[in-house]
N, C-alpha and C. Protein backbone atom coordinates (compact mmCIF):
# COMPACT_ATOMS: atom_id res chain seq x y z
N UNK A 1 76.44 -59.98 2.70
CA UNK A 1 75.35 -60.81 2.22
C UNK A 1 74.25 -59.91 1.67
N UNK A 2 73.82 -60.20 0.48
CA UNK A 2 72.73 -59.44 -0.13
C UNK A 2 71.42 -60.17 0.08
N UNK A 3 70.44 -59.44 0.51
CA UNK A 3 69.11 -60.02 0.73
C UNK A 3 68.23 -59.65 -0.44
N UNK A 4 67.51 -60.62 -0.96
CA UNK A 4 66.58 -60.34 -2.06
C UNK A 4 65.44 -59.48 -1.54
N UNK A 5 65.07 -58.45 -2.27
CA UNK A 5 63.96 -57.59 -1.85
C UNK A 5 62.66 -58.38 -1.70
N UNK A 6 61.88 -58.01 -0.71
CA UNK A 6 60.57 -58.62 -0.49
C UNK A 6 59.58 -57.88 -1.37
N UNK A 7 59.10 -58.55 -2.40
CA UNK A 7 58.18 -57.91 -3.35
C UNK A 7 56.73 -58.35 -3.14
N UNK A 8 56.48 -59.11 -2.08
CA UNK A 8 55.11 -59.57 -1.82
C UNK A 8 54.23 -58.40 -1.39
N UNK A 9 52.98 -58.49 -1.73
CA UNK A 9 51.99 -57.53 -1.26
C UNK A 9 51.37 -58.12 0.00
N UNK A 10 51.74 -57.58 1.14
CA UNK A 10 51.33 -58.13 2.43
C UNK A 10 49.93 -57.68 2.87
N UNK A 11 49.19 -56.95 2.03
CA UNK A 11 47.89 -56.45 2.46
C UNK A 11 46.90 -57.56 2.79
N UNK A 12 47.19 -58.78 2.35
CA UNK A 12 46.31 -59.92 2.67
C UNK A 12 46.18 -60.14 4.17
N UNK A 13 47.15 -59.65 4.97
CA UNK A 13 47.08 -59.85 6.43
C UNK A 13 45.91 -59.09 7.05
N UNK A 14 45.29 -58.21 6.29
CA UNK A 14 44.12 -57.51 6.77
C UNK A 14 42.86 -58.37 6.64
N UNK A 15 42.96 -59.43 5.85
CA UNK A 15 41.81 -60.29 5.58
C UNK A 15 41.87 -61.66 6.23
N UNK A 16 43.07 -62.12 6.57
CA UNK A 16 43.21 -63.43 7.20
C UNK A 16 44.47 -63.44 8.06
N UNK A 17 44.52 -64.35 9.03
CA UNK A 17 45.69 -64.39 9.91
C UNK A 17 46.98 -64.68 9.15
N UNK A 18 48.07 -64.13 9.65
CA UNK A 18 49.38 -64.36 9.06
C UNK A 18 49.82 -65.79 9.37
N UNK A 19 50.20 -66.50 8.35
CA UNK A 19 50.63 -67.89 8.51
C UNK A 19 51.91 -68.01 9.32
N UNK A 20 52.68 -66.97 9.41
CA UNK A 20 53.97 -67.01 10.10
C UNK A 20 53.85 -66.57 11.55
N UNK A 21 53.50 -65.31 11.76
CA UNK A 21 53.52 -64.75 13.11
C UNK A 21 52.20 -64.93 13.86
N UNK A 22 51.14 -65.29 13.17
CA UNK A 22 49.84 -65.51 13.79
C UNK A 22 49.00 -64.26 13.95
N UNK A 23 49.48 -63.11 13.52
CA UNK A 23 48.72 -61.87 13.64
C UNK A 23 47.36 -62.03 12.98
N UNK A 24 46.31 -61.63 13.68
CA UNK A 24 44.95 -61.73 13.16
C UNK A 24 44.27 -60.38 13.36
N UNK A 25 44.20 -59.60 12.30
CA UNK A 25 43.65 -58.24 12.36
C UNK A 25 42.20 -58.23 12.86
N UNK A 26 41.45 -59.27 12.59
CA UNK A 26 40.04 -59.30 12.97
C UNK A 26 39.83 -59.38 14.48
N UNK A 27 40.87 -59.72 15.22
CA UNK A 27 40.73 -59.88 16.66
C UNK A 27 41.14 -58.65 17.46
N UNK A 28 41.62 -57.62 16.79
CA UNK A 28 42.09 -56.43 17.51
C UNK A 28 41.02 -55.34 17.54
N UNK A 29 40.89 -54.72 18.68
CA UNK A 29 39.96 -53.63 18.90
C UNK A 29 40.71 -52.31 18.81
N UNK A 30 40.09 -51.30 18.27
CA UNK A 30 40.74 -49.98 18.12
C UNK A 30 41.32 -49.45 19.42
N UNK A 31 40.68 -49.75 20.54
CA UNK A 31 41.16 -49.27 21.84
C UNK A 31 42.55 -49.83 22.12
N UNK A 32 42.86 -50.99 21.58
CA UNK A 32 44.15 -51.65 21.83
C UNK A 32 45.25 -51.18 20.89
N UNK A 33 44.92 -50.43 19.85
CA UNK A 33 45.92 -50.10 18.84
C UNK A 33 47.13 -49.36 19.42
N UNK A 34 46.91 -48.23 20.07
CA UNK A 34 48.04 -47.43 20.58
C UNK A 34 48.82 -48.18 21.65
N UNK A 35 48.16 -48.80 22.63
CA UNK A 35 48.94 -49.57 23.61
C UNK A 35 49.74 -50.70 22.97
N UNK A 36 49.19 -51.30 21.95
CA UNK A 36 49.88 -52.39 21.26
C UNK A 36 51.13 -51.87 20.54
N UNK A 37 51.04 -50.68 19.96
CA UNK A 37 52.21 -50.07 19.32
C UNK A 37 53.30 -49.85 20.35
N UNK A 38 52.93 -49.27 21.49
CA UNK A 38 53.93 -48.99 22.54
C UNK A 38 54.55 -50.28 23.07
N UNK A 39 53.71 -51.28 23.33
CA UNK A 39 54.21 -52.56 23.86
C UNK A 39 55.18 -53.22 22.87
N UNK A 40 54.81 -53.23 21.61
CA UNK A 40 55.67 -53.89 20.62
C UNK A 40 57.01 -53.17 20.52
N UNK A 41 57.01 -51.85 20.63
CA UNK A 41 58.26 -51.09 20.56
C UNK A 41 59.16 -51.45 21.74
N UNK A 42 58.61 -51.54 22.91
CA UNK A 42 59.40 -51.87 24.11
C UNK A 42 60.03 -53.25 24.00
N UNK A 43 59.38 -54.15 23.29
CA UNK A 43 59.90 -55.52 23.15
C UNK A 43 61.19 -55.55 22.33
N UNK A 44 61.48 -54.48 21.59
CA UNK A 44 62.72 -54.44 20.80
C UNK A 44 63.95 -54.17 21.65
N UNK A 45 63.78 -53.54 22.81
CA UNK A 45 64.94 -53.15 23.61
C UNK A 45 65.81 -54.34 24.03
N UNK A 46 65.26 -55.42 24.59
CA UNK A 46 66.12 -56.55 24.92
C UNK A 46 66.71 -57.25 23.69
N UNK A 47 66.01 -57.17 22.58
CA UNK A 47 66.53 -57.75 21.33
C UNK A 47 67.82 -57.03 20.94
N UNK A 48 67.82 -55.72 21.10
CA UNK A 48 68.98 -54.92 20.71
C UNK A 48 70.12 -55.00 21.71
N UNK A 49 69.87 -55.57 22.87
CA UNK A 49 70.93 -55.79 23.86
C UNK A 49 71.68 -57.10 23.62
N UNK A 50 71.18 -57.92 22.74
CA UNK A 50 71.85 -59.19 22.45
C UNK A 50 73.22 -58.94 21.84
N UNK A 51 74.18 -59.78 22.20
CA UNK A 51 75.52 -59.69 21.60
C UNK A 51 75.47 -59.90 20.10
N UNK A 52 74.49 -60.63 19.65
CA UNK A 52 74.37 -60.99 18.23
C UNK A 52 73.45 -60.05 17.46
N UNK A 53 73.02 -58.96 18.06
CA UNK A 53 72.03 -58.07 17.42
C UNK A 53 72.44 -57.62 16.03
N UNK A 54 73.71 -57.38 15.82
CA UNK A 54 74.16 -56.88 14.53
C UNK A 54 74.61 -57.95 13.56
N UNK A 55 74.46 -59.20 13.92
CA UNK A 55 74.95 -60.29 13.09
C UNK A 55 73.81 -60.99 12.34
N UNK A 56 74.00 -61.14 11.06
CA UNK A 56 73.04 -61.91 10.26
C UNK A 56 73.31 -63.40 10.47
N UNK A 57 72.25 -64.11 10.76
CA UNK A 57 72.39 -65.55 10.99
C UNK A 57 72.03 -66.38 9.77
N UNK A 58 71.40 -65.73 8.81
CA UNK A 58 71.02 -66.40 7.56
C UNK A 58 71.23 -65.44 6.41
N UNK A 59 71.51 -66.00 5.25
CA UNK A 59 71.73 -65.17 4.06
C UNK A 59 70.48 -64.43 3.59
N UNK A 60 69.32 -64.94 3.93
CA UNK A 60 68.08 -64.36 3.42
C UNK A 60 67.34 -63.50 4.45
N UNK A 61 67.98 -63.21 5.58
CA UNK A 61 67.32 -62.43 6.63
C UNK A 61 68.23 -61.35 7.15
N UNK A 62 67.63 -60.21 7.50
CA UNK A 62 68.36 -59.15 8.15
C UNK A 62 68.77 -59.58 9.55
N UNK A 63 69.71 -58.86 10.12
CA UNK A 63 70.05 -59.03 11.53
C UNK A 63 68.95 -58.38 12.37
N UNK A 64 68.95 -58.66 13.66
CA UNK A 64 67.98 -58.03 14.56
C UNK A 64 68.13 -56.50 14.52
N UNK A 65 69.36 -56.03 14.44
CA UNK A 65 69.60 -54.58 14.35
C UNK A 65 68.96 -54.01 13.09
N UNK A 66 69.13 -54.67 11.98
CA UNK A 66 68.55 -54.18 10.72
C UNK A 66 67.03 -54.19 10.77
N UNK A 67 66.46 -55.26 11.35
CA UNK A 67 65.00 -55.29 11.50
C UNK A 67 64.53 -54.15 12.40
N UNK A 68 65.26 -53.89 13.48
CA UNK A 68 64.88 -52.81 14.40
C UNK A 68 64.94 -51.45 13.70
N UNK A 69 65.96 -51.23 12.89
CA UNK A 69 66.04 -49.98 12.12
C UNK A 69 64.84 -49.86 11.18
N UNK A 70 64.50 -50.96 10.54
CA UNK A 70 63.35 -50.98 9.65
C UNK A 70 62.07 -50.63 10.41
N UNK A 71 61.88 -51.25 11.57
CA UNK A 71 60.67 -51.00 12.37
C UNK A 71 60.62 -49.54 12.81
N UNK A 72 61.75 -49.00 13.24
CA UNK A 72 61.81 -47.58 13.61
C UNK A 72 61.33 -46.72 12.43
N UNK A 73 61.82 -47.05 11.23
CA UNK A 73 61.43 -46.29 10.05
C UNK A 73 59.99 -46.55 9.63
N UNK A 74 59.49 -47.75 9.89
CA UNK A 74 58.08 -48.05 9.64
C UNK A 74 57.21 -47.12 10.47
N UNK A 75 57.55 -46.95 11.75
CA UNK A 75 56.77 -46.03 12.59
C UNK A 75 56.82 -44.61 12.03
N UNK A 76 57.96 -44.17 11.54
CA UNK A 76 58.08 -42.83 10.96
C UNK A 76 57.19 -42.70 9.71
N UNK A 77 57.30 -43.68 8.83
CA UNK A 77 56.54 -43.64 7.57
C UNK A 77 55.04 -43.69 7.86
N UNK A 78 54.63 -44.59 8.74
CA UNK A 78 53.20 -44.74 9.00
C UNK A 78 52.65 -43.55 9.78
N UNK A 79 53.46 -42.89 10.57
CA UNK A 79 53.01 -41.67 11.23
C UNK A 79 52.73 -40.59 10.19
N UNK A 80 53.62 -40.46 9.21
CA UNK A 80 53.39 -39.48 8.13
C UNK A 80 52.15 -39.84 7.32
N UNK A 81 51.99 -41.12 7.03
CA UNK A 81 50.82 -41.54 6.26
C UNK A 81 49.53 -41.31 7.04
N UNK A 82 49.55 -41.63 8.31
CA UNK A 82 48.37 -41.40 9.14
C UNK A 82 48.05 -39.91 9.20
N UNK A 83 49.06 -39.08 9.39
CA UNK A 83 48.84 -37.63 9.43
C UNK A 83 48.22 -37.15 8.13
N UNK A 84 48.71 -37.66 7.02
CA UNK A 84 48.16 -37.27 5.71
C UNK A 84 46.69 -37.69 5.59
N UNK A 85 46.37 -38.89 6.06
CA UNK A 85 45.00 -39.37 5.97
C UNK A 85 44.05 -38.56 6.84
N UNK A 86 44.56 -38.06 7.95
CA UNK A 86 43.71 -37.29 8.86
C UNK A 86 43.53 -35.84 8.42
N UNK A 87 44.40 -35.36 7.53
CA UNK A 87 44.34 -33.95 7.12
C UNK A 87 44.01 -33.74 5.65
N UNK A 88 44.11 -34.78 4.84
CA UNK A 88 43.84 -34.65 3.40
C UNK A 88 42.84 -35.71 2.97
N UNK A 89 42.12 -35.41 1.90
CA UNK A 89 41.17 -36.39 1.36
C UNK A 89 41.88 -37.37 0.45
N UNK A 90 41.81 -38.64 0.81
CA UNK A 90 42.33 -39.74 0.00
C UNK A 90 43.75 -39.50 -0.53
N UNK A 91 44.71 -39.26 0.37
CA UNK A 91 46.07 -38.97 -0.09
C UNK A 91 46.72 -40.17 -0.77
N UNK A 92 47.62 -39.86 -1.69
CA UNK A 92 48.47 -40.88 -2.31
C UNK A 92 49.78 -40.86 -1.54
N UNK A 93 50.15 -42.00 -0.97
CA UNK A 93 51.36 -42.07 -0.16
C UNK A 93 52.60 -42.04 -1.04
N UNK A 94 53.64 -41.38 -0.55
CA UNK A 94 54.90 -41.40 -1.27
C UNK A 94 55.46 -42.82 -1.17
N UNK A 95 56.12 -43.26 -2.22
CA UNK A 95 56.72 -44.59 -2.23
C UNK A 95 57.87 -44.65 -1.24
N UNK A 96 58.06 -45.83 -0.68
CA UNK A 96 59.18 -46.07 0.22
C UNK A 96 59.76 -47.42 -0.12
N UNK A 97 61.00 -47.43 -0.53
CA UNK A 97 61.70 -48.67 -0.83
C UNK A 97 62.49 -49.05 0.41
N UNK A 98 61.97 -50.02 1.15
CA UNK A 98 62.59 -50.40 2.42
C UNK A 98 63.99 -50.98 2.23
N UNK A 99 64.20 -51.65 1.14
CA UNK A 99 65.53 -52.24 0.89
C UNK A 99 66.55 -51.16 0.56
N UNK A 100 66.14 -50.18 -0.23
CA UNK A 100 67.03 -49.06 -0.54
C UNK A 100 67.33 -48.25 0.72
N UNK A 101 66.32 -48.09 1.58
CA UNK A 101 66.52 -47.36 2.83
C UNK A 101 67.54 -48.07 3.72
N UNK A 102 67.48 -49.39 3.76
CA UNK A 102 68.41 -50.16 4.59
C UNK A 102 69.85 -49.95 4.14
N UNK A 103 70.04 -49.87 2.84
CA UNK A 103 71.39 -49.66 2.29
C UNK A 103 71.83 -48.21 2.48
N UNK A 104 70.97 -47.29 2.08
CA UNK A 104 71.32 -45.87 2.16
C UNK A 104 71.59 -45.41 3.59
N UNK A 105 70.80 -45.91 4.53
CA UNK A 105 70.95 -45.50 5.93
C UNK A 105 71.88 -46.42 6.71
N UNK A 106 72.49 -47.37 6.02
CA UNK A 106 73.44 -48.30 6.64
C UNK A 106 72.91 -48.89 7.94
N UNK A 107 71.76 -49.53 7.83
CA UNK A 107 71.15 -50.16 8.99
C UNK A 107 72.14 -51.05 9.73
N UNK A 108 72.97 -51.76 8.99
CA UNK A 108 73.89 -52.71 9.61
C UNK A 108 75.02 -52.04 10.39
N UNK A 109 75.19 -50.73 10.24
CA UNK A 109 76.27 -50.00 10.93
C UNK A 109 75.76 -49.14 12.09
N UNK A 110 74.47 -49.16 12.34
CA UNK A 110 73.93 -48.28 13.38
C UNK A 110 74.18 -48.86 14.78
N UNK A 111 74.06 -48.02 15.77
CA UNK A 111 74.32 -48.40 17.16
C UNK A 111 73.04 -48.93 17.77
N UNK A 112 73.04 -50.18 18.22
CA UNK A 112 71.81 -50.80 18.72
C UNK A 112 71.10 -50.01 19.82
N UNK A 113 71.82 -49.50 20.80
CA UNK A 113 71.15 -48.77 21.88
C UNK A 113 70.48 -47.50 21.37
N UNK A 114 71.13 -46.82 20.44
CA UNK A 114 70.54 -45.61 19.86
C UNK A 114 69.30 -45.97 19.04
N UNK A 115 69.38 -47.04 18.29
CA UNK A 115 68.23 -47.48 17.50
C UNK A 115 67.06 -47.81 18.41
N UNK A 116 67.34 -48.48 19.53
CA UNK A 116 66.28 -48.82 20.47
C UNK A 116 65.57 -47.59 21.01
N UNK A 117 66.33 -46.58 21.38
CA UNK A 117 65.73 -45.35 21.88
C UNK A 117 64.92 -44.65 20.80
N UNK A 118 65.46 -44.60 19.59
CA UNK A 118 64.74 -43.98 18.48
C UNK A 118 63.47 -44.75 18.15
N UNK A 119 63.54 -46.07 18.18
CA UNK A 119 62.37 -46.90 17.87
C UNK A 119 61.26 -46.64 18.87
N UNK A 120 61.59 -46.63 20.16
CA UNK A 120 60.58 -46.38 21.19
C UNK A 120 60.00 -44.97 21.04
N UNK A 121 60.84 -44.00 20.74
CA UNK A 121 60.36 -42.62 20.58
C UNK A 121 59.45 -42.47 19.36
N UNK A 122 59.84 -43.07 18.24
CA UNK A 122 58.99 -42.95 17.04
C UNK A 122 57.68 -43.71 17.23
N UNK A 123 57.74 -44.83 17.94
CA UNK A 123 56.51 -45.57 18.24
C UNK A 123 55.58 -44.74 19.11
N UNK A 124 56.14 -44.03 20.09
CA UNK A 124 55.33 -43.19 20.97
C UNK A 124 54.66 -42.06 20.19
N UNK A 125 55.41 -41.45 19.29
CA UNK A 125 54.85 -40.38 18.45
C UNK A 125 53.69 -40.92 17.62
N UNK A 126 53.91 -42.07 17.01
CA UNK A 126 52.87 -42.69 16.19
C UNK A 126 51.67 -43.08 17.05
N UNK A 127 51.92 -43.72 18.19
CA UNK A 127 50.83 -44.13 19.07
C UNK A 127 50.03 -42.91 19.55
N UNK A 128 50.72 -41.82 19.85
CA UNK A 128 50.02 -40.60 20.26
C UNK A 128 49.08 -40.12 19.15
N UNK A 129 49.54 -40.19 17.89
CA UNK A 129 48.68 -39.77 16.80
C UNK A 129 47.48 -40.72 16.66
N UNK A 130 47.73 -42.00 16.84
CA UNK A 130 46.63 -42.99 16.75
C UNK A 130 45.55 -42.66 17.79
N UNK A 131 45.96 -42.21 18.97
CA UNK A 131 44.97 -41.90 20.01
C UNK A 131 44.12 -40.67 19.68
N UNK A 132 44.55 -39.87 18.70
CA UNK A 132 43.77 -38.68 18.33
C UNK A 132 42.66 -38.98 17.33
N UNK A 133 42.66 -40.19 16.78
CA UNK A 133 41.67 -40.54 15.74
C UNK A 133 40.27 -40.58 16.35
N UNK A 134 39.38 -39.82 15.76
CA UNK A 134 37.98 -39.78 16.20
C UNK A 134 37.17 -40.81 15.41
N UNK A 135 36.05 -41.22 15.97
CA UNK A 135 35.24 -42.30 15.39
C UNK A 135 35.03 -42.18 13.87
N UNK A 136 34.58 -41.03 13.35
CA UNK A 136 34.34 -40.99 11.90
C UNK A 136 35.63 -41.05 11.06
N UNK A 137 36.76 -40.74 11.67
CA UNK A 137 38.01 -40.70 10.92
C UNK A 137 38.57 -42.10 10.61
N UNK A 138 38.15 -43.12 11.35
CA UNK A 138 38.68 -44.46 11.12
C UNK A 138 38.43 -44.95 9.70
N UNK A 139 37.44 -44.41 9.04
CA UNK A 139 37.10 -44.85 7.68
C UNK A 139 37.73 -43.98 6.59
N UNK A 140 38.47 -42.95 6.97
CA UNK A 140 39.10 -42.08 5.96
C UNK A 140 40.07 -42.90 5.11
N UNK A 141 40.07 -42.67 3.78
CA UNK A 141 40.94 -43.46 2.90
C UNK A 141 42.29 -42.81 2.60
N UNK A 142 43.20 -43.66 2.18
CA UNK A 142 44.50 -43.27 1.65
C UNK A 142 44.96 -44.41 0.77
N UNK A 143 45.93 -44.15 -0.12
CA UNK A 143 46.30 -45.22 -1.06
C UNK A 143 47.78 -45.20 -1.40
N UNK A 144 48.25 -46.38 -1.75
CA UNK A 144 49.62 -46.54 -2.24
C UNK A 144 49.60 -46.46 -3.75
N UNK A 145 50.76 -46.22 -4.32
CA UNK A 145 50.86 -46.07 -5.78
C UNK A 145 50.54 -47.37 -6.51
N UNK A 146 50.61 -48.51 -5.82
CA UNK A 146 50.29 -49.78 -6.47
C UNK A 146 48.79 -50.05 -6.50
N UNK A 147 48.00 -49.12 -5.99
CA UNK A 147 46.55 -49.26 -6.02
C UNK A 147 45.95 -49.75 -4.72
N UNK A 148 46.75 -50.19 -3.76
CA UNK A 148 46.22 -50.64 -2.47
C UNK A 148 45.57 -49.47 -1.76
N UNK A 149 44.34 -49.68 -1.32
CA UNK A 149 43.59 -48.65 -0.61
C UNK A 149 43.47 -49.06 0.85
N UNK A 150 43.73 -48.10 1.72
CA UNK A 150 43.63 -48.32 3.15
C UNK A 150 42.62 -47.35 3.73
N UNK A 151 42.03 -47.74 4.85
CA UNK A 151 41.35 -46.79 5.71
C UNK A 151 42.32 -46.49 6.84
N UNK A 152 42.02 -45.50 7.65
CA UNK A 152 42.87 -45.24 8.80
C UNK A 152 42.99 -46.52 9.64
N UNK A 153 41.88 -47.19 9.84
CA UNK A 153 41.89 -48.42 10.65
C UNK A 153 42.78 -49.50 10.03
N UNK A 154 42.64 -49.75 8.75
CA UNK A 154 43.44 -50.82 8.14
C UNK A 154 44.91 -50.42 8.04
N UNK A 155 45.19 -49.12 7.91
CA UNK A 155 46.58 -48.68 7.90
C UNK A 155 47.25 -48.98 9.24
N UNK A 156 46.56 -48.69 10.33
CA UNK A 156 47.11 -48.94 11.66
C UNK A 156 47.30 -50.45 11.86
N UNK A 157 46.33 -51.24 11.44
CA UNK A 157 46.45 -52.70 11.56
C UNK A 157 47.61 -53.23 10.73
N UNK A 158 47.76 -52.70 9.53
CA UNK A 158 48.85 -53.12 8.64
C UNK A 158 50.20 -52.82 9.27
N UNK A 159 50.32 -51.65 9.87
CA UNK A 159 51.56 -51.28 10.56
C UNK A 159 51.81 -52.22 11.74
N UNK A 160 50.78 -52.48 12.53
CA UNK A 160 50.94 -53.39 13.67
C UNK A 160 51.42 -54.76 13.22
N UNK A 161 50.86 -55.26 12.13
CA UNK A 161 51.33 -56.55 11.65
C UNK A 161 52.81 -56.50 11.32
N UNK A 162 53.23 -55.47 10.63
CA UNK A 162 54.64 -55.37 10.24
C UNK A 162 55.55 -55.44 11.46
N UNK A 163 55.23 -54.70 12.48
CA UNK A 163 56.05 -54.64 13.69
C UNK A 163 56.04 -55.99 14.42
N UNK A 164 54.87 -56.56 14.59
CA UNK A 164 54.76 -57.86 15.27
C UNK A 164 55.43 -58.96 14.46
N UNK A 165 55.27 -58.90 13.16
CA UNK A 165 55.90 -59.91 12.31
C UNK A 165 57.42 -59.85 12.42
N UNK A 166 57.97 -58.66 12.48
CA UNK A 166 59.42 -58.56 12.58
C UNK A 166 59.93 -58.94 13.97
N UNK A 167 59.14 -58.77 14.99
CA UNK A 167 59.51 -59.33 16.29
C UNK A 167 59.57 -60.85 16.18
N UNK A 168 58.61 -61.42 15.50
CA UNK A 168 58.61 -62.87 15.27
C UNK A 168 59.86 -63.26 14.48
N UNK A 169 60.24 -62.46 13.50
CA UNK A 169 61.44 -62.74 12.71
C UNK A 169 62.69 -62.85 13.58
N UNK A 170 62.73 -62.08 14.68
CA UNK A 170 63.92 -62.10 15.54
C UNK A 170 63.72 -62.97 16.79
N UNK A 171 62.67 -63.77 16.77
CA UNK A 171 62.48 -64.76 17.83
C UNK A 171 61.71 -64.29 19.05
N UNK A 172 60.97 -63.18 18.94
CA UNK A 172 60.15 -62.69 20.04
C UNK A 172 58.70 -62.95 19.69
N UNK A 173 58.06 -63.77 20.48
CA UNK A 173 56.65 -64.09 20.24
C UNK A 173 55.77 -63.18 21.06
N UNK A 174 54.82 -62.55 20.41
CA UNK A 174 53.79 -61.77 21.08
C UNK A 174 52.47 -62.48 20.85
N UNK A 175 51.57 -62.38 21.80
CA UNK A 175 50.25 -62.95 21.60
C UNK A 175 49.56 -62.11 20.51
N UNK A 176 49.35 -62.69 19.32
CA UNK A 176 48.77 -61.89 18.24
C UNK A 176 47.30 -61.56 18.43
N UNK A 177 46.70 -62.05 19.49
CA UNK A 177 45.26 -61.87 19.70
C UNK A 177 44.93 -60.79 20.71
N UNK A 178 45.95 -60.17 21.31
CA UNK A 178 45.64 -59.16 22.32
C UNK A 178 46.08 -57.79 21.85
């Protein structure tokens, strides 16, 4: 089954609550960012233990395994982006085609337990970096090639939405307000 690429610009979730998962960036405090990353990563482990983890249930959606691979890679990408923002002035992020990555890395063929361990580890690395951010650094800018500009704070919030939204995609509800 081929899934149509998601071409939407999701940066609007930084300005208003997500209509789907309920994530509301305005309600999160910086102190909660790193713990929230770790908590969301742990929530993937039981998802990957499901007998159906590798099975697509709809033509237009990835399997839970594919979503977990994506989230693992989101943590990797956002850790690199955060590192760049903390060490360089207004870096331009390298492009990442999530759909091409899913095909090239054969997300659908990966081992769920291994993906779970990798996801938790990459989330921990990212969360550790988030905890190093000092007060003046939260406003440091970085940008995507499409012109979207982030601060360190909005980048972390954007990443959190992605992870929480994909948990919602696989049927795991998290309180989007904590």
